[in-house]
PDB file of N, CA and C in Angstrom:
ATOM      1  N   MET A   1       0.864  -1.129   0.014  1.00  0.00           N
ATOM      2  CA  MET A   1       0.013   0.068   0.072  1.00  0.00           C
ATOM      3  C   MET A   1       0.873   1.244   0.005  1.00  0.00           C
ATOM      4  N   ASP A   2       0.466   2.162  -0.760  1.00  0.00           N
ATOM      5  CA  ASP A   2       1.223   3.474  -0.922  1.00  0.00           C
ATOM      6  C   ASP A   2       0.968   4.337   0.277  1.00  0.00           C
ATOM      7  N   GLU A   3       2.030   4.845   0.840  1.00  0.00           N
ATOM      8  CA  GLU A   3       1.931   5.673   2.044  1.00  0.00           C
ATOM      9  C   GLU A   3       1.134   6.900   1.769  1.00  0.00           C
ATOM     10  N   ARG A   4       1.201   7.525   0.607  1.00  0.00           N
ATOM     11  CA  ARG A   4       0.338   8.693   0.287  1.00  0.00           C
ATOM     12  C   ARG A   4      -1.125   8.384   0.313  1.00  0.00           C
ATOM     13  N   ARG A   5      -1.517   7.166  -0.213  1.00  0.00           N
ATOM     14  CA  ARG A   5      -2.917   6.761  -0.152  1.00  0.00           C
ATOM     15  C   ARG A   5      -3.415   6.559   1.286  1.00  0.00           C
ATOM     16  N   LEU A   6      -2.522   6.009   2.020  1.00  0.00           N
ATOM     17  CA  LEU A   6      -2.938   5.855   3.440  1.00  0.00           C
ATOM     18  C   LEU A   6      -3.029   7.063   4.112  1.00  0.00           C
ATOM     19  N   GLN A   7      -2.186   8.066   3.848  1.00  0.00           N
ATOM     20  CA  GLN A   7      -2.341   9.415   4.429  1.00  0.00           C
ATOM     21  C   GLN A   7      -3.659  10.034   4.075  1.00  0.00           C
ATOM     22  N   VAL A   8      -4.098   9.912   2.771  1.00  0.00           N
ATOM     23  CA  VAL A   8      -5.386  10.404   2.321  1.00  0.00           C
ATOM     24  C   VAL A   8      -6.509   9.680   3.045  1.00  0.00           C
ATOM     25  N   PHE A   9      -6.370   8.371   3.173  1.00  0.00           N
ATOM     26  CA  PHE A   9      -7.404   7.506   3.814  1.00  0.00           C
ATOM     27  C   PHE A   9      -7.581   8.013   5.296  1.00  0.00           C
ATOM     28  N   ARG A  10      -6.479   8.177   6.031  1.00  0.00           N
ATOM     29  CA  ARG A  10      -6.519   8.699   7.364  1.00  0.00           C
ATOM     30  C   ARG A  10      -7.248  10.024   7.420  1.00  0.00           C
ATOM     31  N   ALA A  11      -6.988  10.909   6.552  1.00  0.00           N
ATOM     32  CA  ALA A  11      -7.526  12.268   6.585  1.00  0.00           C
ATOM     33  C   ALA A  11      -9.080  12.159   6.296  1.00  0.00           C
ATOM     34  N   VAL A  12      -9.466  11.387   5.379  1.00  0.00           N
ATOM     35  CA  VAL A  12     -10.882  11.213   5.113  1.00  0.00           C
ATOM     36  C   VAL A  12     -11.553  10.534   6.345  1.00  0.00           C
ATOM     37  N   ALA A  13     -10.952   9.521   6.830  1.00  0.00           N
ATOM     38  CA  ALA A  13     -11.582   8.888   8.053  1.00  0.00           C
ATOM     39  C   ALA A  13     -11.678   9.832   9.204  1.00  0.00           C
ATOM     40  N   ARG A  14     -10.695  10.722   9.363  1.00  0.00           N
ATOM     41  CA  ARG A  14     -10.771  11.689  10.450  1.00  0.00           C
ATOM     42  C   ARG A  14     -11.849  12.757  10.235  1.00  0.00           C
ATOM     43  N   GLU A  15     -11.848  13.283   8.955  1.00  0.00           N
ATOM     44  CA  GLU A  15     -12.770  14.344   8.672  1.00  0.00           C
ATOM     45  C   GLU A  15     -14.192  13.898   8.304  1.00  0.00           C
ATOM     46  N   LEU A  16     -14.277  12.586   7.783  1.00  0.00           N
ATOM     47  CA  LEU A  16     -15.597  12.130   7.227  1.00  0.00           C
ATOM     48  C   LEU A  16     -16.067  13.052   6.173  1.00  0.00           C
ATOM     49  N   ASN A  17     -15.208  13.590   5.410  1.00  0.00           N
ATOM     50  CA  ASN A  17     -15.598  14.556   4.378  1.00  0.00           C
ATOM     51  C   ASN A  17     -14.440  14.652   3.399  1.00  0.00           C
ATOM     52  N   PHE A  18     -14.633  14.375   2.111  1.00  0.00           N
ATOM     53  CA  PHE A  18     -13.571  14.406   1.115  1.00  0.00           C
ATOM     54  C   PHE A  18     -12.992  15.843   0.911  1.00  0.00           C
ATOM     55  N   SER A  19     -13.890  16.820   0.910  1.00  0.00           N
ATOM     56  CA  SER A  19     -13.397  18.196   0.652  1.00  0.00           C
ATOM     57  C   SER A  19     -12.547  18.640   1.755  1.00  0.00           C
ATOM     58  N   ARG A  20     -13.097  18.427   2.997  1.00  0.00           N
ATOM     59  CA  ARG A  20     -12.261  18.884   4.124  1.00  0.00           C
ATOM     60  C   ARG A  20     -10.856  18.168   4.273  1.00  0.00           C
ATOM     61  N   ALA A  21     -10.876  16.890   3.899  1.00  0.00           N
ATOM     62  CA  ALA A  21      -9.609  16.081   3.926  1.00  0.00           C
ATOM     63  C   ALA A  21      -8.699  16.764   2.816  1.00  0.00           C
ATOM     64  N   GLY A  22      -9.218  17.048   1.741  1.00  0.00           N
ATOM     65  CA  GLY A  22      -8.399  17.620   0.679  1.00  0.00           C
ATOM     66  C   GLY A  22      -7.767  18.918   1.159  1.00  0.00           C
ATOM     67  N   LEU A  23      -8.589  19.842   1.799  1.00  0.00           N
ATOM     68  CA  LEU A  23      -8.025  21.117   2.335  1.00  0.00           C
ATOM     69  C   LEU A  23      -6.941  20.875   3.287  1.00  0.00           C
ATOM     70  N   ALA A  24      -7.054  19.853   4.214  1.00  0.00           N
ATOM     71  CA  ALA A  24      -6.088  19.547   5.148  1.00  0.00           C
ATOM     72  C   ALA A  24      -4.760  19.053   4.542  1.00  0.00           C
ATOM     73  N   LEU A  25      -4.951  18.366   3.429  1.00  0.00           N
ATOM     74  CA  LEU A  25      -3.813  17.879   2.740  1.00  0.00           C
ATOM     75  C   LEU A  25      -3.205  18.714   1.510  1.00  0.00           C
ATOM     76  N   HIS A  26      -3.985  19.792   1.292  1.00  0.00           N
ATOM     77  CA  HIS A  26      -3.605  20.639   0.120  1.00  0.00           C
ATOM     78  C   HIS A  26      -3.821  19.919  -1.204  1.00  0.00           C
ATOM     79  N   LEU A  27      -4.932  19.192  -1.282  1.00  0.00           N
ATOM     80  CA  LEU A  27      -5.336  18.446  -2.455  1.00  0.00           C
ATOM     81  C   LEU A  27      -6.789  18.869  -2.871  1.00  0.00           C
ATOM     82  N   SER A  28      -7.057  18.657  -4.102  1.00  0.00           N
ATOM     83  CA  SER A  28      -8.533  18.883  -4.497  1.00  0.00           C
ATOM     84  C   SER A  28      -9.316  17.694  -4.058  1.00  0.00           C
ATOM     85  N   GLN A  29     -10.649  17.982  -3.962  1.00  0.00           N
ATOM     86  CA  GLN A  29     -11.628  16.808  -3.589  1.00  0.00           C
ATOM     87  C   GLN A  29     -11.487  15.720  -4.598  1.00  0.00           C
ATOM     88  N   SER A  30     -11.272  16.089  -5.846  1.00  0.00           N
ATOM     89  CA  SER A  30     -11.196  15.114  -6.961  1.00  0.00           C
ATOM     90  C   SER A  30      -9.866  14.261  -6.768  1.00  0.00           C
ATOM     91  N   ALA A  31      -8.788  14.814  -6.338  1.00  0.00           N
ATOM     92  CA  ALA A  31      -7.577  14.063  -6.055  1.00  0.00           C
ATOM     93  C   ALA A  31      -7.677  13.147  -4.950  1.00  0.00           C
ATOM     94  N   VAL A  32      -8.470  13.589  -3.842  1.00  0.00           N
ATOM     95  CA  VAL A  32      -8.771  12.766  -2.696  1.00  0.00           C
ATOM     96  C   VAL A  32      -9.580  11.561  -3.239  1.00  0.00           C
ATOM     97  N   SER A  33     -10.582  11.843  -3.989  1.00  0.00           N
ATOM     98  CA  SER A  33     -11.484  10.778  -4.385  1.00  0.00           C
ATOM     99  C   SER A  33     -10.663   9.723  -5.312  1.00  0.00           C
ATOM    100  N   GLN A  34      -9.771  10.239  -6.153  1.00  0.00           N
ATOM    101  CA  GLN A  34      -8.970   9.333  -6.929  1.00  0.00           C
ATOM    102  C   GLN A  34      -8.078   8.413  -6.110  1.00  0.00           C
ATOM    103  N   GLN A  35      -7.455   9.007  -5.050  1.00  0.00           N
ATOM    104  CA  GLN A  35      -6.610   8.287  -4.149  1.00  0.00           C
ATOM    105  C   GLN A  35      -7.362   7.180  -3.336  1.00  0.00           C
ATOM    106  N   ILE A  36      -8.592   7.516  -2.928  1.00  0.00           N
ATOM    107  CA  ILE A  36      -9.401   6.546  -2.154  1.00  0.00           C
ATOM    108  C   ILE A  36      -9.909   5.449  -3.194  1.00  0.00           C
ATOM    109  N   ALA A  37     -10.305   5.874  -4.410  1.00  0.00           N
ATOM    110  CA  ALA A  37     -10.653   4.793  -5.387  1.00  0.00           C
ATOM    111  C   ALA A  37      -9.566   3.905  -5.690  1.00  0.00           C
ATOM    112  N   ALA A  38      -8.362   4.397  -5.866  1.00  0.00           N
ATOM    113  CA  ALA A  38      -7.225   3.509  -6.118  1.00  0.00           C
ATOM    114  C   ALA A  38      -6.917   2.535  -4.951  1.00  0.00           C
ATOM    115  N   LEU A  39      -7.040   3.060  -3.714  1.00  0.00           N
ATOM    116  CA  LEU A  39      -6.852   2.207  -2.602  1.00  0.00           C
ATOM    117  C   LEU A  39      -7.919   1.142  -2.457  1.00  0.00           C
ATOM    118  N   GLU A  40      -9.168   1.517  -2.712  1.00  0.00           N
ATOM    119  CA  GLU A  40     -10.212   0.591  -2.683  1.00  0.00           C
ATOM    120  C   GLU A  40     -10.049  -0.459  -3.820  1.00  0.00           C
ATOM    121  N   LEU A  41      -9.606  -0.140  -4.915  1.00  0.00           N
ATOM    122  CA  LEU A  41      -9.345  -1.060  -5.993  1.00  0.00           C
ATOM    123  C   LEU A  41      -8.245  -2.002  -5.627  1.00  0.00           C
ATOM    124  N   GLU A  42      -7.190  -1.412  -5.088  1.00  0.00           N
ATOM    125  CA  GLU A  42      -6.061  -2.261  -4.645  1.00  0.00           C
ATOM    126  C   GLU A  42      -6.420  -3.293  -3.559  1.00  0.00           C
ATOM    127  N   LEU A  43      -7.249  -2.838  -2.676  1.00  0.00           N
ATOM    128  CA  LEU A  43      -7.701  -3.708  -1.557  1.00  0.00           C
ATOM    129  C   LEU A  43      -8.931  -4.591  -1.955  1.00  0.00           C
ATOM    130  N   GLY A  44      -9.536  -4.218  -2.925  1.00  0.00           N
ATOM    131  CA  GLY A  44     -10.724  -5.045  -3.471  1.00  0.00           C
ATOM    132  C   GLY A  44     -11.985  -4.896  -2.572  1.00  0.00           C
ATOM    133  N   GLY A  45     -12.154  -3.759  -1.972  1.00  0.00           N
ATOM    134  CA  GLY A  45     -13.355  -3.444  -1.171  1.00  0.00           C
ATOM    135  C   GLY A  45     -13.634  -2.002  -0.994  1.00  0.00           C
ATOM    136  N   THR A  46     -14.822  -1.722  -0.481  1.00  0.00           N
ATOM    137  CA  THR A  46     -15.206  -0.319  -0.234  1.00  0.00           C
ATOM    138  C   THR A  46     -14.766   0.122   1.186  1.00  0.00           C
ATOM    139  N   LEU A  47     -14.170   1.229   1.265  1.00  0.00           N
ATOM    140  CA  LEU A  47     -13.719   1.763   2.571  1.00  0.00           C
ATOM    141  C   LEU A  47     -14.655   2.692   3.255  1.00  0.00           C
ATOM    142  N   PHE A  48     -15.353   3.378   2.351  1.00  0.00           N
ATOM    143  CA  PHE A  48     -16.359   4.433   2.891  1.00  0.00           C
ATOM    144  C   PHE A  48     -17.716   4.184   2.198  1.00  0.00           C
ATOM    145  N   ASP A  49     -18.789   4.397   3.015  1.00  0.00           N
ATOM    146  CA  ASP A  49     -20.084   4.454   2.516  1.00  0.00           C
ATOM    147  C   ASP A  49     -20.403   5.886   2.282  1.00  0.00           C
ATOM    148  N   ARG A  50     -20.723   6.183   1.013  1.00  0.00           N
ATOM    149  CA  ARG A  50     -20.967   7.553   0.546  1.00  0.00           C
ATOM    150  C   ARG A  50     -22.392   7.758   0.197  1.00  0.00           C
ATOM    151  N   SER A  51     -23.240   7.748   1.162  1.00  0.00           N
ATOM    152  CA  SER A  51     -24.698   7.912   0.933  1.00  0.00           C
ATOM    153  C   SER A  51     -25.259   9.154   1.496  1.00  0.00           C
ATOM    154  N   ARG A  52     -26.268   9.726   0.784  1.00  0.00           N
ATOM    155  CA  ARG A  52     -26.973  10.872   1.324  1.00  0.00           C
ATOM    156  C   ARG A  52     -26.070  12.001   1.700  1.00  0.00           C
ATOM    157  N   ARG A  53     -24.990  12.285   0.920  1.00  0.00           N
ATOM    158  CA  ARG A  53     -24.087  13.300   1.160  1.00  0.00           C
ATOM    159  C   ARG A  53     -23.347  13.208   2.460  1.00  0.00           C
ATOM    160  N   ARG A  54     -23.371  11.904   3.049  1.00  0.00           N
ATOM    161  CA  ARG A  54     -22.596  11.625   4.218  1.00  0.00           C
ATOM    162  C   ARG A  54     -21.591  10.591   3.906  1.00  0.00           C
ATOM    163  N   VAL A  55     -20.502  10.622   4.651  1.00  0.00           N
ATOM    164  CA  VAL A  55     -19.336   9.713   4.509  1.00  0.00           C
ATOM    165  C   VAL A  55     -19.197   8.989   5.794  1.00  0.00           C
ATOM    166  N   ARG A  56     -19.193   7.627   5.713  1.00  0.00           N
ATOM    167  CA  ARG A  56     -18.983   6.838   6.853  1.00  0.00           C
ATOM    168  C   ARG A  56     -18.042   5.732   6.597  1.00  0.00           C
ATOM    169  N   LEU A  57     -17.253   5.287   7.547  1.00  0.00           N
ATOM    170  CA  LEU A  57     -16.451   4.089   7.359  1.00  0.00           C
ATOM    171  C   LEU A  57     -17.222   2.898   7.188  1.00  0.00           C
ATOM    172  N   THR A  58     -16.865   2.023   6.339  1.00  0.00           N
ATOM    173  CA  THR A  58     -17.442   0.654   6.206  1.00  0.00           C
ATOM    174  C   THR A  58     -16.666  -0.245   7.314  1.00  0.00           C
ATOM    175  N   PRO A  59     -17.148  -1.382   7.486  1.00  0.00           N
ATOM    176  CA  PRO A  59     -16.428  -2.282   8.359  1.00  0.00           C
ATOM    177  C   PRO A  59     -14.958  -2.579   7.832  1.00  0.00           C
ATOM    178  N   ALA A  60     -14.862  -2.651   6.541  1.00  0.00           N
ATOM    179  CA  ALA A  60     -13.481  -2.758   5.937  1.00  0.00           C
ATOM    180  C   ALA A  60     -12.649  -1.493   6.283  1.00  0.00           C
ATOM    181  N   GLY A  61     -13.270  -0.370   6.185  1.00  0.00           N
ATOM    182  CA  GLY A  61     -12.522   0.909   6.474  1.00  0.00           C
ATOM    183  C   GLY A  61     -12.171   0.945   7.894  1.00  0.00           C
ATOM    184  N   VAL A  62     -12.987   0.586   8.773  1.00  0.00           N
ATOM    185  CA  VAL A  62     -12.642   0.505  10.267  1.00  0.00           C
ATOM    186  C   VAL A  62     -11.425  -0.420  10.482  1.00  0.00           C
ATOM    187  N   ALA A  63     -11.513  -1.578   9.842  1.00  0.00           N
ATOM    188  CA  ALA A  63     -10.493  -2.552   9.991  1.00  0.00           C
ATOM    189  C   ALA A  63      -9.157  -1.973   9.545  1.00  0.00           C
ATOM    190  N   LEU A  64      -9.188  -1.305   8.337  1.00  0.00           N
ATOM    191  CA  LEU A  64      -7.948  -0.735   7.765  1.00  0.00           C
ATOM    192  C   LEU A  64      -7.387   0.401   8.743  1.00  0.00           C
ATOM    193  N   LEU A  65      -8.299   1.223   9.219  1.00  0.00           N
ATOM    194  CA  LEU A  65      -7.909   2.327  10.174  1.00  0.00           C
ATOM    195  C   LEU A  65      -7.229   1.789  11.364  1.00  0.00           C
ATOM    196  N   ASN A  66      -7.815   0.738  11.921  1.00  0.00           N
ATOM    197  CA  ASN A  66      -7.223   0.100  13.134  1.00  0.00           C
ATOM    198  C   ASN A  66      -5.879  -0.480  12.806  1.00  0.00           C
ATOM    199  N   ARG A  67      -5.717  -1.035  11.569  1.00  0.00           N
ATOM    200  CA  ARG A  67      -4.384  -1.630  11.248  1.00  0.00           C
ATOM    201  C   ARG A  67      -3.362  -0.607  11.030  1.00  0.00           C
ATOM    202  N   VAL A  68      -3.736   0.467  10.272  1.00  0.00           N
ATOM    203  CA  VAL A  68      -2.626   1.526  10.039  1.00  0.00           C
ATOM    204  C   VAL A  68      -2.381   2.376  11.203  1.00  0.00           C
ATOM    205  N   ASP A  69      -3.337   2.519  12.126  1.00  0.00           N
ATOM    206  CA  ASP A  69      -3.053   3.258  13.361  1.00  0.00           C
ATOM    207  C   ASP A  69      -2.402   2.488  14.441  1.00  0.00           C
ATOM    208  N   ALA A  70      -2.331   1.235  14.201  1.00  0.00           N
ATOM    209  CA  ALA A  70      -1.732   0.323  15.297  1.00  0.00           C
ATOM    210  C   ALA A  70      -0.222   0.520  15.534  1.00  0.00           C
TER     211      ALA A  70
END
């Protein structure tokens, strides 16, 4: 896993918002989305539930967050 993608993942998990994570990392919302999509593709699963304009961690996202923060 690419360290930059994990950094973006942590920011989105912390903010629960792609735009705010992008601001914190000095990236566009689109760049954040692309990094998360690439990480999800690499891992073969969805890390965030993006429904009703809300972002929440999926169980796979929680597991990854616990793993990278350990």
